[in-house]
């Protein structure tokens, strides 16, 4: 089933130096922009992360420091990438938990505030896990009846994700709607206040902490009763986006 689009939708996948959203960097990104008329634009780019690629990450994606040493840095491509992504809804596989937070961090390091919160975010993995419980390769085999060649290359994973979403719409006509707003809502696990999910919205649309000793408590209440918690988070190993959102909440308390 082809997608019913009112906006372009961007499927993307990244390979990175590791799995820490706050400190690791992108080494390869592939994006497939699907236009409302069905046309596709594919961009794949390797990136010099400016930090070493961990052995664990290299074992997965096969990209070495030597492979990317002469590639542009993310800062060098950030402006043109943000412009190309402008106005697109965003889709990926495990993208809400990892790819979007990491890409948002890279944009912030490059002093570009690309606001993913203004876009519909569709995570094909979350749809899959809610309905079938599988990995990407198994999802591709299950939905598309094909083996995923070159798994863990950004382009192969991105194109597979696009195919899987279309196949999911075919397979679950009663459970899913071919509507990006519905799919964004269905594929989300919680309404995130920050991309890393350290803060989420509760059922009263209040921002609460989603980790640690204050899990479930309103952020505003914690900052009032334990002001030092703000300093601890700002000095800790949290993402720039998490710190940005936390600061915005703190500043709103002064109004």
Protein backbone atom coordinates (compact mmCIF):
# COMPACT_ATOMS: atom_id res chain seq x y z
CA UNK A 1 0.00 0.00 0.00
CA UNK A 2 1.40 3.38 -0.97
CA UNK A 3 1.42 6.08 1.69
CA UNK A 4 -1.22 8.81 1.79
CA UNK A 5 0.88 11.91 2.30
CA UNK A 6 0.06 15.56 2.78
CA UNK A 7 3.68 16.40 3.62
CA UNK A 8 6.88 14.77 2.36
CA UNK A 9 8.05 12.03 4.70
CA UNK A 10 11.71 11.37 5.39
CA UNK A 11 12.82 7.82 6.24
CA UNK A 12 16.31 7.81 7.71
CA UNK A 13 18.85 5.62 9.43
CA UNK A 14 22.20 6.43 10.96
CA UNK A 15 25.32 4.51 11.89
CA UNK A 16 27.30 5.92 14.79
CA UNK A 17 30.46 5.71 16.86
CA UNK A 18 28.49 4.08 19.69
CA UNK A 19 25.16 4.05 21.51
CA UNK A 20 25.50 7.01 23.90
CA UNK A 21 23.21 9.71 22.53
CA UNK A 22 24.92 12.42 24.58
CA UNK A 23 28.50 11.71 23.50
CA UNK A 24 28.59 9.55 20.38
CA UNK A 25 28.51 10.87 16.80
CA UNK A 26 27.12 9.98 13.40
CA UNK A 27 29.42 8.24 10.90
CA UNK A 28 26.86 7.55 8.17
CA UNK A 29 23.38 8.80 7.41
CA UNK A 30 20.95 7.78 4.72
CA UNK A 31 17.63 9.48 4.12
CA UNK A 32 14.87 8.68 1.66
CA UNK A 33 12.49 11.58 1.08
CA UNK A 34 9.14 10.39 -0.25
CA UNK A 35 7.05 13.16 -1.81
CA UNK A 36 3.24 13.24 -1.80
CA UNK A 37 3.24 12.31 -5.51
CA UNK A 38 5.30 9.18 -4.75
CA UNK A 39 8.64 10.46 -6.08
CA UNK A 40 11.68 9.58 -4.00
CA UNK A 41 14.98 11.31 -3.31
CA UNK A 42 17.78 9.31 -1.66
CA UNK A 43 20.83 10.83 0.02
CA UNK A 44 23.58 8.77 1.65
CA UNK A 45 26.61 10.40 3.23
CA UNK A 46 29.48 9.21 5.38
CA UNK A 47 30.65 11.67 8.01
CA UNK A 48 33.88 12.24 9.90
CA UNK A 49 32.69 12.05 13.53
CA UNK A 50 35.90 13.71 14.83
CA UNK A 51 36.04 11.07 17.58
CA UNK A 52 37.10 7.40 17.39
CA UNK A 53 34.56 4.77 16.33
CA UNK A 54 34.20 2.19 19.07
CA UNK A 55 35.24 -1.39 18.22
CA UNK A 56 31.72 -2.55 19.14
CA UNK A 57 30.11 -0.13 16.68
CA UNK A 58 32.59 -0.95 13.91
CA UNK A 59 31.82 -4.65 14.37
CA UNK A 60 28.17 -3.88 13.62
CA UNK A 61 28.36 -1.46 10.68
CA UNK A 62 31.86 -2.17 9.34
CA UNK A 63 32.89 1.50 9.08
CA UNK A 64 36.37 2.32 10.38
CA UNK A 65 38.09 5.55 11.35
CA UNK A 66 40.14 5.25 8.17
CA UNK A 67 36.98 5.01 6.06
CA UNK A 68 35.68 8.39 7.22
CA UNK A 69 38.83 10.40 7.95
CA UNK A 70 38.50 12.42 4.71
CA UNK A 71 34.70 12.80 4.87
CA UNK A 72 33.01 16.09 5.84
CA UNK A 73 32.08 16.66 9.48
CA UNK A 74 28.45 16.93 10.47
CA UNK A 75 28.86 20.66 11.05
CA UNK A 76 29.87 21.05 7.40
CA UNK A 77 26.68 19.42 6.09
CA UNK A 78 24.25 20.39 8.86
CA UNK A 79 22.80 23.52 7.27
CA UNK A 80 22.08 21.93 3.89
CA UNK A 81 20.70 18.77 5.55
CA UNK A 82 18.35 20.78 7.76
CA UNK A 83 17.12 22.72 4.74
CA UNK A 84 16.50 19.49 2.80
CA UNK A 85 14.58 18.02 5.76
CA UNK A 86 12.46 21.12 6.28
CA UNK A 87 8.72 20.47 6.17
CA UNK A 88 9.08 16.67 6.25
CA UNK A 89 7.48 14.24 8.62
CA UNK A 90 10.07 11.79 9.98
CA UNK A 91 10.10 7.99 10.02
CA UNK A 92 12.64 5.37 10.99
CA UNK A 93 13.26 2.09 12.79
CA UNK A 94 13.96 2.64 16.50
CA UNK A 95 14.19 6.29 15.50
CA UNK A 96 12.32 7.82 18.44
CA UNK A 97 14.59 6.15 20.99
CA UNK A 98 17.95 6.53 19.21
CA UNK A 99 18.24 8.05 15.73
CA UNK A 100 16.22 11.23 16.31
CA UNK A 101 17.84 12.05 19.68
CA UNK A 102 21.32 11.53 18.20
CA UNK A 103 20.56 13.57 15.08
CA UNK A 104 19.07 16.34 17.23
CA UNK A 105 22.28 16.40 19.27
CA UNK A 106 24.38 16.73 16.12
CA UNK A 107 22.24 19.65 14.94
CA UNK A 108 22.59 21.38 18.32
CA UNK A 109 26.37 20.90 18.25
CA UNK A 110 26.30 22.65 14.86
CA UNK A 111 24.18 25.49 16.36
CA UNK A 112 21.13 24.50 14.31
CA UNK A 113 17.91 24.14 16.29
CA UNK A 114 16.02 21.68 14.09
CA UNK A 115 12.76 21.13 15.97
CA UNK A 116 11.60 17.55 15.45
CA UNK A 117 8.70 18.22 17.82
CA UNK A 118 6.95 20.17 15.08
CA UNK A 119 6.92 17.12 12.80
CA UNK A 120 5.01 13.84 12.91
CA UNK A 121 7.42 11.13 14.10
CA UNK A 122 6.70 7.56 13.01
CA UNK A 123 8.70 4.69 14.46
CA UNK A 124 8.21 1.55 12.38
CA UNK A 125 9.87 -0.55 15.08
CA UNK A 126 7.26 0.49 17.64
CA UNK A 127 4.45 -0.43 15.24
CA UNK A 128 6.15 -3.78 14.65
CA UNK A 129 6.73 -4.45 18.35
CA UNK A 130 3.15 -3.60 19.24
CA UNK A 131 1.87 -6.00 16.62
CA UNK A 132 4.49 -8.73 16.11
CA UNK A 133 7.68 -8.39 18.24
CA UNK A 134 10.67 -8.81 15.87
CA UNK A 135 14.05 -7.30 14.82
CA UNK A 136 14.49 -5.25 11.61
CA UNK A 137 15.80 -8.21 9.59
CA UNK A 138 13.00 -10.42 10.86
CA UNK A 139 10.47 -7.65 10.23
CA UNK A 140 11.66 -7.36 6.63
CA UNK A 141 11.41 -11.12 6.17
CA UNK A 142 8.02 -11.24 7.87
CA UNK A 143 6.37 -8.35 6.05
CA UNK A 144 8.18 -8.29 2.71
CA UNK A 145 9.12 -11.98 2.32
CA UNK A 146 12.70 -11.03 1.48
CA UNK A 147 16.05 -11.38 3.21
CA UNK A 148 17.62 -8.07 4.20
CA UNK A 149 20.90 -7.81 2.29
CA UNK A 150 23.63 -5.61 3.79
CA UNK A 151 21.89 -5.22 7.15
CA UNK A 152 23.41 -2.42 9.22
CA UNK A 153 24.30 -0.35 6.20
CA UNK A 154 22.34 2.88 6.57
CA UNK A 155 20.91 2.77 3.04
CA UNK A 156 19.76 -0.86 3.19
CA UNK A 157 18.14 -0.34 6.60
CA UNK A 158 16.44 2.88 5.50
CA UNK A 159 14.93 1.41 2.34
CA UNK A 160 13.83 -1.69 4.25
CA UNK A 161 12.08 0.49 6.83
CA UNK A 162 10.15 2.30 4.08
CA UNK A 163 9.09 -1.02 2.54
CA UNK A 164 8.07 -2.42 5.92
CA UNK A 165 5.78 0.51 6.72
CA UNK A 166 3.94 0.09 3.42
CA UNK A 167 3.64 -3.66 4.05
CA UNK A 168 2.34 -3.02 7.58
CA UNK A 169 -0.46 -0.88 6.14
CA UNK A 170 -1.38 -3.74 3.81
CA UNK A 171 -1.27 -6.35 6.57
CA UNK A 172 -3.23 -4.44 9.24
CA UNK A 173 -6.00 -2.53 7.43
CA UNK A 174 -8.25 -2.70 10.51
CA UNK A 175 -5.61 -1.67 13.06
CA UNK A 176 -3.72 0.99 11.09
CA UNK A 177 -4.79 4.04 9.13
CA UNK A 178 -2.84 5.32 6.14
CA UNK A 179 -2.47 8.69 7.82
CA UNK A 180 0.79 10.09 9.12
CA UNK A 181 -0.78 11.69 12.22
CA UNK A 182 -2.37 8.35 13.20
CA UNK A 183 0.88 6.44 12.57
CA UNK A 184 2.91 8.96 14.55
CA UNK A 185 0.55 8.58 17.50
CA UNK A 186 0.35 4.78 17.18
CA UNK A 187 4.13 4.32 16.99
CA UNK A 188 4.93 6.53 19.97
CA UNK A 189 5.35 4.94 23.39
CA UNK A 190 5.10 8.10 25.46
CA UNK A 191 4.71 11.76 24.65
CA UNK A 192 8.28 12.94 25.00
CA UNK A 193 9.26 16.35 26.32
CA UNK A 194 12.90 15.79 25.31
CA UNK A 195 14.17 13.50 22.58
CA UNK A 196 16.08 11.23 24.96
CA UNK A 197 12.90 10.57 26.95
CA UNK A 198 14.27 11.79 30.26
CA UNK A 199 11.12 13.90 30.59
CA UNK A 200 7.66 13.00 29.30
CA UNK A 201 4.14 14.36 29.47
CA UNK A 202 1.72 12.67 31.86
CA UNK A 203 -2.00 12.21 31.21
CA UNK A 204 -2.61 15.78 32.42
CA UNK A 205 -0.12 17.11 29.84
CA UNK A 206 2.34 18.02 32.61
CA UNK A 207 6.07 17.42 32.17
CA UNK A 208 7.35 14.76 34.56
CA UNK A 209 10.70 13.08 35.03
CA UNK A 210 10.97 9.64 33.40
CA UNK A 211 14.05 8.31 35.21
CA UNK A 212 15.75 8.09 38.58
CA UNK A 213 14.49 8.90 42.02
CA UNK A 214 12.01 11.51 40.74
CA UNK A 215 10.40 9.33 38.07
CA UNK A 216 6.75 10.35 37.69
CA UNK A 217 7.17 13.62 39.59
CA UNK A 218 6.42 16.94 37.92
CA UNK A 219 9.61 18.67 36.83
CA UNK A 220 8.41 22.02 38.14
CA UNK A 221 7.74 20.55 41.60
CA UNK A 222 11.18 18.94 41.77
CA UNK A 223 12.94 22.14 40.70
CA UNK A 224 11.05 24.03 43.41
CA UNK A 225 11.75 21.60 46.25
CA UNK A 226 15.23 20.47 45.17
CA UNK A 227 16.90 23.29 43.18
CA UNK A 228 20.24 21.45 43.21
CA UNK A 229 18.73 18.77 40.93
CA UNK A 230 18.81 21.26 38.06
CA UNK A 231 22.55 21.86 38.57
CA UNK A 232 23.20 18.13 38.84
CA UNK A 233 21.51 17.50 35.51
CA UNK A 234 23.18 20.45 33.78
CA UNK A 235 26.60 19.18 34.87
CA UNK A 236 25.79 15.53 34.15
CA UNK A 237 26.04 13.30 31.09
CA UNK A 238 22.69 14.32 29.63
CA UNK A 239 22.03 15.42 26.07
CA UNK A 240 22.10 19.05 25.02
CA UNK A 241 18.44 18.78 24.13
CA UNK A 242 17.53 17.46 27.59
CA UNK A 243 19.39 20.34 29.19
CA UNK A 244 17.75 22.80 26.80
CA UNK A 245 14.24 21.59 27.66
CA UNK A 246 15.02 21.55 31.38
CA UNK A 247 16.31 25.12 31.18
CA UNK A 248 13.19 26.24 29.33
CA UNK A 249 11.04 24.79 32.10
CA UNK A 250 13.15 26.46 34.77
CA UNK A 251 12.93 29.82 33.01
CA UNK A 252 9.15 29.45 32.65
CA UNK A 253 8.93 29.31 36.45
CA UNK A 254 10.27 32.88 36.61
CA UNK A 255 7.49 34.33 34.45
